[in-house]
Amino acid sequence: MTMPVSPGRDTRIDVFRALALLTIFIDHVPGTMFET
């Protein structure tokens, strides 16, 4: 199910948020080289 994107929404912000969430997820997975 796809939601229509409103004309005022900036896709770059969504991409940045997705990358941030992915980075946080990878950082918290045990056994990866990025784990701190």
PDB file of N, CA and C in Angstrom:
ATOM      1  N   MET A   1       0.857  -1.180   0.000  1.00  0.00           N
ATOM      2  CA  MET A   1       0.000   0.000   0.000  1.00  0.00           C
ATOM      3  C   MET A   1       0.895   1.232   0.000  1.00  0.00           C
ATOM      4  N   THR A   2       0.789   2.023  -1.012  1.00  0.00           N
ATOM      5  CA  THR A   2       1.601   3.233  -1.096  1.00  0.00           C
ATOM      6  C   THR A   2       0.763   4.448  -0.742  1.00  0.00           C
ATOM      7  N   MET A   3       1.387   5.336  -0.005  1.00  0.00           N
ATOM      8  CA  MET A   3       0.716   6.566   0.400  1.00  0.00           C
ATOM      9  C   MET A   3       1.134   7.675  -0.558  1.00  0.00           C
ATOM     10  N   PRO A   4       0.217   8.493  -0.986  1.00  0.00           N
ATOM     11  CA  PRO A   4       0.599   9.604  -1.858  1.00  0.00           C
ATOM     12  C   PRO A   4       1.435  10.627  -1.095  1.00  0.00           C
ATOM     13  N   VAL A   5       2.454  11.123  -1.735  1.00  0.00           N
ATOM     14  CA  VAL A   5       3.338  12.100  -1.107  1.00  0.00           C
ATOM     15  C   VAL A   5       2.770  13.488  -1.350  1.00  0.00           C
ATOM     16  N   SER A   6       2.655  14.254  -0.274  1.00  0.00           N
ATOM     17  CA  SER A   6       2.138  15.611  -0.421  1.00  0.00           C
ATOM     18  C   SER A   6       3.158  16.470  -1.166  1.00  0.00           C
ATOM     19  N   PRO A   7       2.720  17.468  -1.890  1.00  0.00           N
ATOM     20  CA  PRO A   7       3.644  18.259  -2.706  1.00  0.00           C
ATOM     21  C   PRO A   7       4.696  19.018  -1.901  1.00  0.00           C
ATOM     22  N   GLY A   8       4.444  19.302  -0.624  1.00  0.00           N
ATOM     23  CA  GLY A   8       5.391  20.063   0.169  1.00  0.00           C
ATOM     24  C   GLY A   8       6.437  19.214   0.864  1.00  0.00           C
ATOM     25  N   ARG A   9       6.398  17.912   0.680  1.00  0.00           N
ATOM     26  CA  ARG A   9       7.312  17.026   1.393  1.00  0.00           C
ATOM     27  C   ARG A   9       8.651  16.928   0.657  1.00  0.00           C
ATOM     28  N   ASP A  10       9.737  16.989   1.425  1.00  0.00           N
ATOM     29  CA  ASP A  10      11.071  16.925   0.845  1.00  0.00           C
ATOM     30  C   ASP A  10      11.602  15.499   0.964  1.00  0.00           C
ATOM     31  N   THR A  11      11.830  14.854  -0.158  1.00  0.00           N
ATOM     32  CA  THR A  11      12.282  13.459  -0.169  1.00  0.00           C
ATOM     33  C   THR A  11      13.676  13.318   0.424  1.00  0.00           C
ATOM     34  N   ARG A  12      14.498  14.348   0.314  1.00  0.00           N
ATOM     35  CA  ARG A  12      15.861  14.270   0.854  1.00  0.00           C
ATOM     36  C   ARG A  12      15.855  14.044   2.358  1.00  0.00           C
ATOM     37  N   ILE A  13      14.892  14.617   3.050  1.00  0.00           N
ATOM     38  CA  ILE A  13      14.792  14.421   4.496  1.00  0.00           C
ATOM     39  C   ILE A  13      14.446  12.972   4.800  1.00  0.00           C
ATOM     40  N   ASP A  14      13.536  12.387   4.020  1.00  0.00           N
ATOM     41  CA  ASP A  14      13.176  10.983   4.215  1.00  0.00           C
ATOM     42  C   ASP A  14      14.373  10.066   3.980  1.00  0.00           C
ATOM     43  N   VAL A  15      15.166  10.362   2.966  1.00  0.00           N
ATOM     44  CA  VAL A  15      16.351   9.557   2.681  1.00  0.00           C
ATOM     45  C   VAL A  15      17.349   9.675   3.826  1.00  0.00           C
ATOM     46  N   PHE A  16      17.565  10.877   4.322  1.00  0.00           N
ATOM     47  CA  PHE A  16      18.488  11.079   5.439  1.00  0.00           C
ATOM     48  C   PHE A  16      18.021  10.329   6.682  1.00  0.00           C
ATOM     49  N   ARG A  17      16.715  10.387   6.973  1.00  0.00           N
ATOM     50  CA  ARG A  17      16.170   9.681   8.139  1.00  0.00           C
ATOM     51  C   ARG A  17      16.319   8.174   7.985  1.00  0.00           C
ATOM     52  N   ALA A  18      16.094   7.662   6.779  1.00  0.00           N
ATOM     53  CA  ALA A  18      16.239   6.225   6.538  1.00  0.00           C
ATOM     54  C   ALA A  18      17.686   5.786   6.745  1.00  0.00           C
ATOM     55  N   LEU A  19      18.635   6.573   6.249  1.00  0.00           N
ATOM     56  CA  LEU A  19      20.046   6.240   6.443  1.00  0.00           C
ATOM     57  C   LEU A  19      20.435   6.294   7.916  1.00  0.00           C
ATOM     58  N   ALA A  20      19.899   7.264   8.639  1.00  0.00           N
ATOM     59  CA  ALA A  20      20.191   7.368  10.069  1.00  0.00           C
ATOM     60  C   ALA A  20      19.645   6.156  10.821  1.00  0.00           C
ATOM     61  N   LEU A  21      18.417   5.751  10.513  1.00  0.00           N
ATOM     62  CA  LEU A  21      17.834   4.581  11.171  1.00  0.00           C
ATOM     63  C   LEU A  21      18.603   3.312  10.832  1.00  0.00           C
ATOM     64  N   LEU A  22      19.024   3.175   9.589  1.00  0.00           N
ATOM     65  CA  LEU A  22      19.799   2.009   9.188  1.00  0.00           C
ATOM     66  C   LEU A  22      21.139   1.978   9.915  1.00  0.00           C
ATOM     67  N   THR A  23      21.775   3.132  10.048  1.00  0.00           N
ATOM     68  CA  THR A  23      23.045   3.215  10.765  1.00  0.00           C
ATOM     69  C   THR A  23      22.874   2.835  12.227  1.00  0.00           C
ATOM     70  N   ILE A  24      21.828   3.323  12.856  1.00  0.00           N
ATOM     71  CA  ILE A  24      21.555   2.983  14.255  1.00  0.00           C
ATOM     72  C   ILE A  24      21.299   1.489  14.396  1.00  0.00           C
ATOM     73  N   PHE A  25      20.524   0.916  13.467  1.00  0.00           N
ATOM     74  CA  PHE A  25      20.230  -0.518  13.517  1.00  0.00           C
ATOM     75  C   PHE A  25      21.507  -1.344  13.394  1.00  0.00           C
ATOM     76  N   ILE A  26      22.350  -1.011  12.406  1.00  0.00           N
ATOM     77  CA  ILE A  26      23.589  -1.766  12.197  1.00  0.00           C
ATOM     78  C   ILE A  26      24.503  -1.632  13.410  1.00  0.00           C
ATOM     79  N   ASP A  27      24.535  -0.452  14.016  1.00  0.00           N
ATOM     80  CA  ASP A  27      25.391  -0.220  15.185  1.00  0.00           C
ATOM     81  C   ASP A  27      24.969  -1.077  16.369  1.00  0.00           C
ATOM     82  N   HIS A  28      23.697  -1.443  16.447  1.00  0.00           N
ATOM     83  CA  HIS A  28      23.209  -2.198  17.592  1.00  0.00           C
ATOM     84  C   HIS A  28      23.124  -3.700  17.350  1.00  0.00           C
ATOM     85  N   VAL A  29      23.463  -4.169  16.159  1.00  0.00           N
ATOM     86  CA  VAL A  29      23.460  -5.608  15.881  1.00  0.00           C
ATOM     87  C   VAL A  29      24.750  -6.193  16.435  1.00  0.00           C
ATOM     88  N   PRO A  30      24.647  -7.190  17.316  1.00  0.00           N
ATOM     89  CA  PRO A  30      25.860  -7.755  17.900  1.00  0.00           C
ATOM     90  C   PRO A  30      26.694  -8.511  16.861  1.00  0.00           C
ATOM     91  N   GLY A  31      28.003  -8.408  17.012  1.00  0.00           N
ATOM     92  CA  GLY A  31      28.908  -9.156  16.163  1.00  0.00           C
ATOM     93  C   GLY A  31      29.320  -8.462  14.883  1.00  0.00           C
ATOM     94  N   THR A  32      28.891  -7.236  14.660  1.00  0.00           N
ATOM     95  CA  THR A  32      29.321  -6.520  13.460  1.00  0.00           C
ATOM     96  C   THR A  32      30.558  -5.697  13.776  1.00  0.00           C
ATOM     97  N   MET A  33      31.291  -5.326  12.734  1.00  0.00           N
ATOM     98  CA  MET A  33      32.501  -4.536  12.963  1.00  0.00           C
ATOM     99  C   MET A  33      32.173  -3.103  13.372  1.00  0.00           C
ATOM    100  N   PHE A  34      30.912  -2.695  13.188  1.00  0.00           N
ATOM    101  CA  PHE A  34      30.504  -1.339  13.560  1.00  0.00           C
ATOM    102  C   PHE A  34      29.988  -1.257  14.992  1.00  0.00           C
ATOM    103  N   GLU A  35      29.871  -2.397  15.651  1.00  0.00           N
ATOM    104  CA  GLU A  35      29.338  -2.424  17.016  1.00  0.00           C
ATOM    105  C   GLU A  35      30.301  -1.702  17.956  1.00  0.00           C
ATOM    106  N   THR A  36      29.738  -0.869  18.817  1.00  0.00           N
ATOM    107  CA  THR A  36      30.581  -0.152  19.789  1.00  0.00           C
ATOM    108  C   THR A  36      30.246  -0.578  21.194  1.00  0.00           C
TER     109      THR A  36
END
